[in-house]
N, C-alpha and C. Protein backbone atom coordinates (compact mmCIF):
# COMPACT_ATOMS: atom_id res chain seq x y z
N MET A 1 -160.50 93.96 110.57
CA MET A 1 -161.30 93.63 109.42
C MET A 1 -161.48 94.88 108.56
N LYS A 2 -161.39 94.70 107.24
CA LYS A 2 -161.58 95.80 106.30
C LYS A 2 -162.93 95.65 105.61
N LEU A 3 -163.49 96.79 105.20
CA LEU A 3 -164.76 96.82 104.49
C LEU A 3 -164.56 97.59 103.19
N PHE A 4 -164.87 96.93 102.08
CA PHE A 4 -164.82 97.56 100.77
C PHE A 4 -166.26 97.74 100.29
N VAL A 5 -166.66 99.00 100.06
CA VAL A 5 -168.02 99.30 99.62
C VAL A 5 -167.96 99.99 98.26
N GLY A 6 -168.69 99.42 97.30
CA GLY A 6 -168.79 100.01 95.97
C GLY A 6 -170.04 100.86 95.86
N LEU A 7 -169.87 102.13 95.49
CA LEU A 7 -171.00 103.02 95.34
C LEU A 7 -171.57 102.95 93.93
N GLY A 8 -172.85 103.24 93.83
CA GLY A 8 -173.54 103.27 92.54
C GLY A 8 -175.02 103.48 92.77
N ASN A 9 -175.79 103.26 91.73
CA ASN A 9 -177.24 103.36 91.78
C ASN A 9 -177.85 101.99 91.59
N PRO A 10 -179.02 101.73 92.21
CA PRO A 10 -179.65 100.41 92.07
C PRO A 10 -180.39 100.28 90.73
N GLY A 11 -180.55 99.04 90.30
CA GLY A 11 -181.38 98.76 89.13
C GLY A 11 -180.61 98.58 87.84
N LYS A 12 -181.21 97.84 86.93
CA LYS A 12 -180.59 97.54 85.64
C LYS A 12 -180.34 98.79 84.80
N LYS A 13 -181.20 99.78 84.97
CA LYS A 13 -181.07 101.03 84.20
C LYS A 13 -179.68 101.66 84.38
N TYR A 14 -179.11 101.52 85.56
CA TYR A 14 -177.84 102.18 85.88
C TYR A 14 -176.65 101.21 85.90
N GLN A 15 -176.92 99.94 85.70
CA GLN A 15 -175.92 98.90 85.91
C GLN A 15 -174.59 99.14 85.19
N HIS A 16 -174.63 99.57 83.96
CA HIS A 16 -173.38 99.71 83.19
C HIS A 16 -172.99 101.16 82.97
N THR A 17 -173.42 102.04 83.86
CA THR A 17 -173.08 103.46 83.71
C THR A 17 -171.77 103.79 84.42
N ARG A 18 -171.25 104.94 84.08
CA ARG A 18 -170.00 105.42 84.70
C ARG A 18 -170.15 105.54 86.21
N HIS A 19 -171.34 105.98 86.65
CA HIS A 19 -171.57 106.23 88.07
C HIS A 19 -171.57 104.94 88.89
N ASN A 20 -171.73 103.80 88.25
CA ASN A 20 -171.77 102.52 88.96
C ASN A 20 -170.43 101.80 88.95
N LEU A 21 -169.39 102.49 88.61
CA LEU A 21 -168.07 101.87 88.52
C LEU A 21 -167.62 101.27 89.85
N GLY A 22 -167.92 101.93 90.95
CA GLY A 22 -167.57 101.38 92.27
C GLY A 22 -168.24 100.05 92.51
N GLN A 23 -169.52 99.97 92.20
CA GLN A 23 -170.25 98.70 92.36
C GLN A 23 -169.69 97.63 91.43
N THR A 24 -169.36 98.02 90.20
CA THR A 24 -168.81 97.06 89.23
C THR A 24 -167.53 96.43 89.77
N ILE A 25 -166.66 97.24 90.34
CA ILE A 25 -165.39 96.73 90.86
C ILE A 25 -165.63 95.78 92.03
N VAL A 26 -166.47 96.17 92.97
CA VAL A 26 -166.73 95.30 94.12
C VAL A 26 -167.47 94.04 93.68
N ASN A 27 -168.38 94.15 92.73
CA ASN A 27 -169.07 92.96 92.22
C ASN A 27 -168.10 91.98 91.58
N ARG A 28 -167.08 92.48 90.89
CA ARG A 28 -166.06 91.58 90.31
C ARG A 28 -165.30 90.86 91.41
N LEU A 29 -165.02 91.55 92.50
CA LEU A 29 -164.36 90.90 93.63
C LEU A 29 -165.28 89.83 94.24
N VAL A 30 -166.56 90.14 94.36
CA VAL A 30 -167.52 89.17 94.91
C VAL A 30 -167.60 87.95 94.00
N GLU A 31 -167.61 88.15 92.68
CA GLU A 31 -167.63 87.02 91.74
C GLU A 31 -166.41 86.14 91.94
N LYS A 32 -165.29 86.75 92.24
CA LYS A 32 -164.03 86.02 92.39
C LYS A 32 -163.90 85.34 93.74
N TYR A 33 -164.38 86.01 94.83
CA TYR A 33 -164.12 85.52 96.18
C TYR A 33 -165.35 85.27 97.04
N GLY A 34 -166.51 85.76 96.66
CA GLY A 34 -167.66 85.71 97.54
C GLY A 34 -167.72 86.97 98.39
N GLN A 35 -168.70 87.06 99.28
CA GLN A 35 -168.91 88.27 100.08
C GLN A 35 -167.76 88.58 101.03
N LYS A 36 -167.06 87.56 101.46
CA LYS A 36 -165.94 87.80 102.37
C LYS A 36 -164.65 87.39 101.67
N TYR A 37 -163.70 88.27 101.72
CA TYR A 37 -162.40 88.03 101.11
C TYR A 37 -161.33 88.24 102.17
N GLN A 38 -160.56 87.19 102.43
CA GLN A 38 -159.51 87.25 103.44
C GLN A 38 -160.10 87.81 104.73
N ASN A 39 -159.58 88.91 105.18
CA ASN A 39 -160.05 89.55 106.40
C ASN A 39 -160.88 90.78 106.05
N SER A 40 -161.67 90.67 104.96
CA SER A 40 -162.41 91.81 104.45
C SER A 40 -163.85 91.42 104.13
N ILE A 41 -164.72 92.43 104.18
CA ILE A 41 -166.10 92.28 103.77
C ILE A 41 -166.29 93.11 102.51
N LEU A 42 -166.98 92.55 101.53
CA LEU A 42 -167.25 93.24 100.27
C LEU A 42 -168.74 93.55 100.22
N ALA A 43 -169.08 94.81 99.91
CA ALA A 43 -170.49 95.20 99.90
C ALA A 43 -170.74 96.26 98.84
N ILE A 44 -171.98 96.32 98.37
CA ILE A 44 -172.45 97.42 97.54
C ILE A 44 -173.70 97.98 98.21
N THR A 45 -173.99 99.23 97.92
CA THR A 45 -175.18 99.84 98.49
C THR A 45 -176.36 99.60 97.55
N ASN A 46 -177.55 99.52 98.12
CA ASN A 46 -178.78 99.39 97.33
C ASN A 46 -179.52 100.71 97.25
N SER A 47 -178.91 101.76 97.76
CA SER A 47 -179.52 103.08 97.71
C SER A 47 -178.94 103.84 96.52
N PHE A 48 -179.57 104.94 96.18
CA PHE A 48 -179.03 105.77 95.12
C PHE A 48 -177.74 106.43 95.60
N MET A 49 -176.87 106.71 94.65
CA MET A 49 -175.52 107.23 94.94
C MET A 49 -175.55 108.36 95.96
N ASN A 50 -176.40 109.36 95.74
CA ASN A 50 -176.38 110.54 96.59
C ASN A 50 -176.95 110.29 97.98
N GLU A 51 -177.48 109.09 98.21
CA GLU A 51 -178.05 108.72 99.52
C GLU A 51 -177.32 107.50 100.09
N SER A 52 -176.07 107.32 99.75
CA SER A 52 -175.29 106.15 100.14
C SER A 52 -174.90 106.12 101.62
N GLY A 53 -174.81 107.27 102.23
CA GLY A 53 -174.29 107.37 103.59
C GLY A 53 -174.98 106.50 104.63
N PRO A 54 -176.32 106.56 104.75
CA PRO A 54 -176.98 105.74 105.76
C PRO A 54 -176.72 104.24 105.58
N ALA A 55 -176.68 103.76 104.34
CA ALA A 55 -176.42 102.34 104.10
C ALA A 55 -175.00 101.97 104.51
N VAL A 56 -174.03 102.82 104.17
CA VAL A 56 -172.64 102.56 104.56
C VAL A 56 -172.52 102.59 106.08
N ARG A 57 -173.16 103.56 106.72
CA ARG A 57 -173.12 103.66 108.19
C ARG A 57 -173.67 102.38 108.83
N LYS A 58 -174.77 101.83 108.30
CA LYS A 58 -175.35 100.60 108.86
C LYS A 58 -174.37 99.44 108.76
N ILE A 59 -173.69 99.32 107.64
CA ILE A 59 -172.73 98.22 107.47
C ILE A 59 -171.55 98.41 108.43
N VAL A 60 -171.03 99.63 108.49
CA VAL A 60 -169.90 99.93 109.38
C VAL A 60 -170.27 99.60 110.83
N HIS A 61 -171.46 100.01 111.26
CA HIS A 61 -171.87 99.77 112.66
C HIS A 61 -172.17 98.29 112.91
N PHE A 62 -172.81 97.62 111.96
CA PHE A 62 -173.16 96.22 112.15
C PHE A 62 -171.90 95.37 112.35
N TYR A 63 -170.89 95.60 111.52
CA TYR A 63 -169.66 94.81 111.60
C TYR A 63 -168.62 95.43 112.52
N LYS A 64 -168.96 96.57 113.13
CA LYS A 64 -168.04 97.26 114.05
C LYS A 64 -166.69 97.57 113.37
N ILE A 65 -166.79 98.14 112.18
CA ILE A 65 -165.62 98.49 111.38
C ILE A 65 -165.19 99.91 111.73
N SER A 66 -163.95 100.11 112.01
CA SER A 66 -163.41 101.45 112.21
C SER A 66 -163.43 102.17 110.86
N PRO A 67 -163.80 103.45 110.82
CA PRO A 67 -163.77 104.17 109.55
C PRO A 67 -162.41 104.08 108.85
N SER A 68 -161.33 103.97 109.62
CA SER A 68 -160.01 103.86 109.00
C SER A 68 -159.83 102.54 108.24
N ASN A 69 -160.74 101.58 108.45
CA ASN A 69 -160.70 100.31 107.72
C ASN A 69 -161.78 100.23 106.64
N LEU A 70 -162.42 101.37 106.37
CA LEU A 70 -163.41 101.45 105.29
C LEU A 70 -162.71 101.90 104.01
N TYR A 71 -163.00 101.21 102.92
CA TYR A 71 -162.51 101.57 101.59
C TYR A 71 -163.73 101.81 100.71
N LEU A 72 -163.97 103.06 100.38
CA LEU A 72 -165.11 103.44 99.56
C LEU A 72 -164.64 103.49 98.11
N VAL A 73 -165.25 102.69 97.25
CA VAL A 73 -164.85 102.59 95.84
C VAL A 73 -165.88 103.36 95.02
N HIS A 74 -165.43 104.35 94.25
CA HIS A 74 -166.38 105.18 93.51
C HIS A 74 -165.76 105.82 92.27
N ASP A 75 -166.64 106.27 91.37
CA ASP A 75 -166.23 106.97 90.17
C ASP A 75 -165.74 108.37 90.53
N ASP A 76 -164.93 108.96 89.64
CA ASP A 76 -164.41 110.29 89.90
C ASP A 76 -164.23 111.06 88.58
N LEU A 77 -164.92 112.17 88.46
CA LEU A 77 -164.83 113.02 87.27
C LEU A 77 -163.49 113.73 87.15
N ASP A 78 -162.78 113.89 88.25
CA ASP A 78 -161.52 114.64 88.24
C ASP A 78 -160.32 113.82 87.78
N LEU A 79 -160.54 112.54 87.53
CA LEU A 79 -159.46 111.67 87.02
C LEU A 79 -159.84 111.19 85.62
N GLY A 80 -158.85 111.09 84.77
CA GLY A 80 -159.08 110.60 83.42
C GLY A 80 -159.49 109.13 83.43
N VAL A 81 -160.12 108.70 82.36
CA VAL A 81 -160.52 107.30 82.22
C VAL A 81 -159.28 106.42 82.36
N GLY A 82 -159.35 105.47 83.29
CA GLY A 82 -158.23 104.56 83.51
C GLY A 82 -157.31 104.95 84.64
N GLU A 83 -157.44 106.16 85.15
CA GLU A 83 -156.63 106.58 86.29
C GLU A 83 -157.36 106.20 87.58
N TYR A 84 -156.61 105.96 88.63
CA TYR A 84 -157.22 105.73 89.93
C TYR A 84 -156.27 106.17 91.03
N ARG A 85 -156.85 106.45 92.19
CA ARG A 85 -156.08 106.88 93.35
C ARG A 85 -156.65 106.23 94.60
N LEU A 86 -155.77 105.79 95.47
CA LEU A 86 -156.16 105.33 96.80
C LEU A 86 -155.74 106.45 97.75
N GLN A 87 -156.74 107.04 98.44
CA GLN A 87 -156.45 108.17 99.31
C GLN A 87 -157.19 108.03 100.63
N PHE A 88 -156.65 108.66 101.64
CA PHE A 88 -157.23 108.60 102.98
C PHE A 88 -157.53 110.02 103.47
N ASP A 89 -158.66 110.17 104.15
CA ASP A 89 -159.02 111.41 104.84
C ASP A 89 -159.10 112.61 103.89
N ARG A 90 -159.89 112.44 102.83
CA ARG A 90 -160.11 113.50 101.84
C ARG A 90 -161.56 113.95 101.88
N GLY A 91 -161.77 115.21 101.56
CA GLY A 91 -163.12 115.73 101.44
C GLY A 91 -163.81 115.17 100.20
N PRO A 92 -165.09 115.46 100.02
CA PRO A 92 -165.86 114.87 98.92
C PRO A 92 -165.52 115.40 97.54
N ALA A 93 -164.93 116.59 97.45
CA ALA A 93 -164.56 117.19 96.16
C ALA A 93 -165.74 117.21 95.19
N GLY A 94 -166.92 117.49 95.72
CA GLY A 94 -168.10 117.60 94.86
C GLY A 94 -168.82 116.30 94.58
N HIS A 95 -168.32 115.18 95.07
CA HIS A 95 -168.97 113.88 94.84
C HIS A 95 -170.05 113.70 95.91
N HIS A 96 -171.31 113.72 95.49
CA HIS A 96 -172.42 113.70 96.44
C HIS A 96 -172.55 112.37 97.19
N GLY A 97 -172.16 111.27 96.58
CA GLY A 97 -172.18 109.98 97.27
C GLY A 97 -171.19 109.97 98.42
N VAL A 98 -169.99 110.46 98.17
CA VAL A 98 -168.97 110.55 99.21
C VAL A 98 -169.41 111.54 100.28
N GLU A 99 -169.99 112.64 99.86
CA GLU A 99 -170.51 113.63 100.80
C GLU A 99 -171.53 113.01 101.76
N SER A 100 -172.41 112.18 101.22
CA SER A 100 -173.42 111.50 102.03
C SER A 100 -172.77 110.57 103.05
N VAL A 101 -171.73 109.87 102.64
CA VAL A 101 -171.03 108.96 103.56
C VAL A 101 -170.34 109.75 104.66
N ILE A 102 -169.68 110.84 104.30
CA ILE A 102 -169.01 111.67 105.30
C ILE A 102 -170.02 112.19 106.31
N GLN A 103 -171.16 112.68 105.84
CA GLN A 103 -172.19 113.19 106.74
C GLN A 103 -172.73 112.09 107.65
N SER A 104 -172.95 110.90 107.11
CA SER A 104 -173.52 109.81 107.90
C SER A 104 -172.54 109.24 108.92
N LEU A 105 -171.26 109.20 108.56
CA LEU A 105 -170.25 108.66 109.48
C LEU A 105 -169.74 109.73 110.45
N GLY A 106 -169.92 110.99 110.09
CA GLY A 106 -169.40 112.06 110.92
C GLY A 106 -167.90 112.22 110.82
N THR A 107 -167.31 111.66 109.77
CA THR A 107 -165.87 111.75 109.56
C THR A 107 -165.56 111.53 108.08
N GLN A 108 -164.44 112.08 107.66
CA GLN A 108 -163.92 111.77 106.33
C GLN A 108 -162.64 110.93 106.43
N ALA A 109 -162.33 110.49 107.64
CA ALA A 109 -161.11 109.73 107.89
C ALA A 109 -161.33 108.26 107.53
N PHE A 110 -161.59 108.02 106.24
CA PHE A 110 -161.68 106.68 105.69
C PHE A 110 -160.96 106.68 104.35
N ASN A 111 -160.78 105.51 103.80
CA ASN A 111 -160.07 105.35 102.53
C ASN A 111 -161.03 105.47 101.36
N ARG A 112 -160.53 106.05 100.30
CA ARG A 112 -161.30 106.15 99.07
C ARG A 112 -160.48 105.58 97.92
N ILE A 113 -161.11 104.76 97.12
CA ILE A 113 -160.51 104.31 95.87
C ILE A 113 -161.27 105.06 94.78
N ARG A 114 -160.65 106.12 94.29
CA ARG A 114 -161.24 107.00 93.29
C ARG A 114 -160.86 106.48 91.92
N VAL A 115 -161.86 106.22 91.08
CA VAL A 115 -161.62 105.64 89.77
C VAL A 115 -162.10 106.62 88.70
N GLY A 116 -161.18 107.03 87.84
CA GLY A 116 -161.46 108.06 86.85
C GLY A 116 -162.44 107.63 85.77
N ILE A 117 -163.35 108.55 85.48
CA ILE A 117 -164.31 108.35 84.39
C ILE A 117 -164.19 109.46 83.35
N GLY A 118 -163.28 110.40 83.55
CA GLY A 118 -163.09 111.51 82.63
C GLY A 118 -164.15 112.57 82.81
N LYS A 119 -164.01 113.64 82.05
CA LYS A 119 -164.95 114.76 82.11
C LYS A 119 -165.81 114.77 80.85
N PRO A 120 -167.04 115.25 80.98
CA PRO A 120 -167.93 115.29 79.81
C PRO A 120 -167.52 116.39 78.83
N ALA A 121 -167.78 116.13 77.57
CA ALA A 121 -167.60 117.16 76.56
C ALA A 121 -168.86 118.02 76.54
N LEU A 122 -168.70 119.30 76.32
CA LEU A 122 -169.87 120.19 76.24
C LEU A 122 -170.73 119.76 75.06
N PRO A 123 -172.01 119.84 75.12
CA PRO A 123 -172.84 120.49 76.13
C PRO A 123 -173.34 119.53 77.21
N LEU A 124 -172.78 118.33 77.29
CA LEU A 124 -173.24 117.33 78.26
C LEU A 124 -172.91 117.77 79.68
N THR A 125 -173.89 117.71 80.58
CA THR A 125 -173.66 118.07 81.97
C THR A 125 -173.04 116.88 82.72
N PRO A 126 -172.32 117.15 83.81
CA PRO A 126 -171.78 116.04 84.60
C PRO A 126 -172.87 115.08 85.07
N GLU A 127 -174.03 115.63 85.46
CA GLU A 127 -175.14 114.79 85.95
C GLU A 127 -175.59 113.79 84.90
N ASN A 128 -175.63 114.20 83.63
CA ASN A 128 -176.03 113.28 82.56
C ASN A 128 -174.87 112.37 82.13
N TYR A 129 -173.67 112.91 82.16
CA TYR A 129 -172.48 112.16 81.75
C TYR A 129 -172.26 110.92 82.61
N VAL A 130 -172.39 111.07 83.93
CA VAL A 130 -172.12 109.94 84.82
C VAL A 130 -173.14 108.82 84.65
N LEU A 131 -174.29 109.12 84.07
CA LEU A 131 -175.33 108.11 83.88
C LEU A 131 -175.27 107.46 82.51
N GLN A 132 -174.20 107.69 81.77
CA GLN A 132 -174.02 107.07 80.46
C GLN A 132 -173.00 105.93 80.56
N PRO A 133 -173.12 104.96 79.64
CA PRO A 133 -172.12 103.89 79.62
C PRO A 133 -170.80 104.39 79.02
N PHE A 134 -169.75 103.63 79.24
CA PHE A 134 -168.47 103.93 78.63
C PHE A 134 -168.53 103.61 77.14
N THR A 135 -167.72 104.32 76.36
CA THR A 135 -167.59 103.98 74.94
C THR A 135 -166.83 102.65 74.86
N PRO A 136 -166.89 101.95 73.72
CA PRO A 136 -166.13 100.69 73.61
C PRO A 136 -164.64 100.85 73.91
N ASP A 137 -164.02 101.93 73.43
CA ASP A 137 -162.59 102.14 73.71
C ASP A 137 -162.36 102.38 75.20
N GLU A 138 -163.23 103.19 75.82
CA GLU A 138 -163.11 103.43 77.26
C GLU A 138 -163.34 102.16 78.05
N LYS A 139 -164.26 101.33 77.61
CA LYS A 139 -164.57 100.07 78.30
C LYS A 139 -163.33 99.18 78.36
N MET A 140 -162.56 99.14 77.27
CA MET A 140 -161.33 98.34 77.27
C MET A 140 -160.35 98.88 78.32
N ILE A 141 -160.21 100.19 78.39
CA ILE A 141 -159.32 100.81 79.37
C ILE A 141 -159.82 100.52 80.78
N ILE A 142 -161.12 100.68 81.00
CA ILE A 142 -161.70 100.47 82.33
C ILE A 142 -161.53 99.02 82.77
N ASP A 143 -161.71 98.07 81.86
CA ASP A 143 -161.52 96.66 82.23
C ASP A 143 -160.08 96.41 82.70
N GLN A 144 -159.11 97.00 82.03
CA GLN A 144 -157.71 96.86 82.45
C GLN A 144 -157.48 97.54 83.81
N THR A 145 -158.11 98.69 83.99
CA THR A 145 -157.99 99.43 85.25
C THR A 145 -158.60 98.63 86.40
N ILE A 146 -159.75 98.02 86.15
CA ILE A 146 -160.40 97.21 87.18
C ILE A 146 -159.47 96.07 87.60
N ASP A 147 -158.82 95.43 86.64
CA ASP A 147 -157.88 94.36 86.97
C ASP A 147 -156.75 94.88 87.88
N LYS A 148 -156.24 96.07 87.57
CA LYS A 148 -155.17 96.67 88.39
C LYS A 148 -155.68 96.98 89.80
N ILE A 149 -156.89 97.52 89.88
CA ILE A 149 -157.46 97.87 91.18
C ILE A 149 -157.71 96.62 92.01
N ILE A 150 -158.20 95.56 91.38
CA ILE A 150 -158.42 94.31 92.10
C ILE A 150 -157.11 93.77 92.65
N THR A 151 -156.04 93.87 91.89
CA THR A 151 -154.73 93.46 92.38
C THR A 151 -154.34 94.30 93.61
N GLU A 152 -154.59 95.61 93.56
CA GLU A 152 -154.29 96.47 94.71
C GLU A 152 -155.14 96.08 95.92
N ILE A 153 -156.43 95.82 95.69
CA ILE A 153 -157.32 95.43 96.78
C ILE A 153 -156.88 94.09 97.37
N GLU A 154 -156.44 93.18 96.53
CA GLU A 154 -155.96 91.89 97.04
C GLU A 154 -154.77 92.09 97.97
N LYS A 155 -153.91 93.05 97.65
CA LYS A 155 -152.78 93.34 98.53
C LYS A 155 -153.26 93.94 99.86
N LEU A 156 -154.28 94.80 99.79
CA LEU A 156 -154.82 95.42 101.00
C LEU A 156 -155.55 94.41 101.88
N GLY A 157 -156.18 93.41 101.26
CA GLY A 157 -156.97 92.44 101.98
C GLY A 157 -156.15 91.45 102.77
N ARG A 158 -154.87 91.40 102.55
CA ARG A 158 -154.01 90.43 103.25
C ARG A 158 -153.83 90.78 104.70
């Protein structure tokens, strides 16, 4: 069984921000398939991004999911808007949500679906940038990217 977890922050205030892109993707899958898809469980965390680890650990332990079958879906400043990467056994690269999951699981040997949100223009800090919505042009690109990622996840879920 596979587990897909979308990271983000709780509440309407953060719902359409760059930092909630992982939750947005998993929520689209839930809208399409429900909480369970094929041989997979779809989940989002209700904790703040930087405190995601304990929630992910609880889900992993409850369903007895091997970390190698965990797919953590999250935003990534190091990738341009519309880019994404599926990677296994990577360090957090400065992403505090991923860092929290690694600390809580005691391993980084899980899958990550890194979704690019681009880098902020000065003088905007990364902390403020991730909490902003996408521009209309970026939103169009992100919607197309989400469709591509969902197609990839559908292949993984088989």
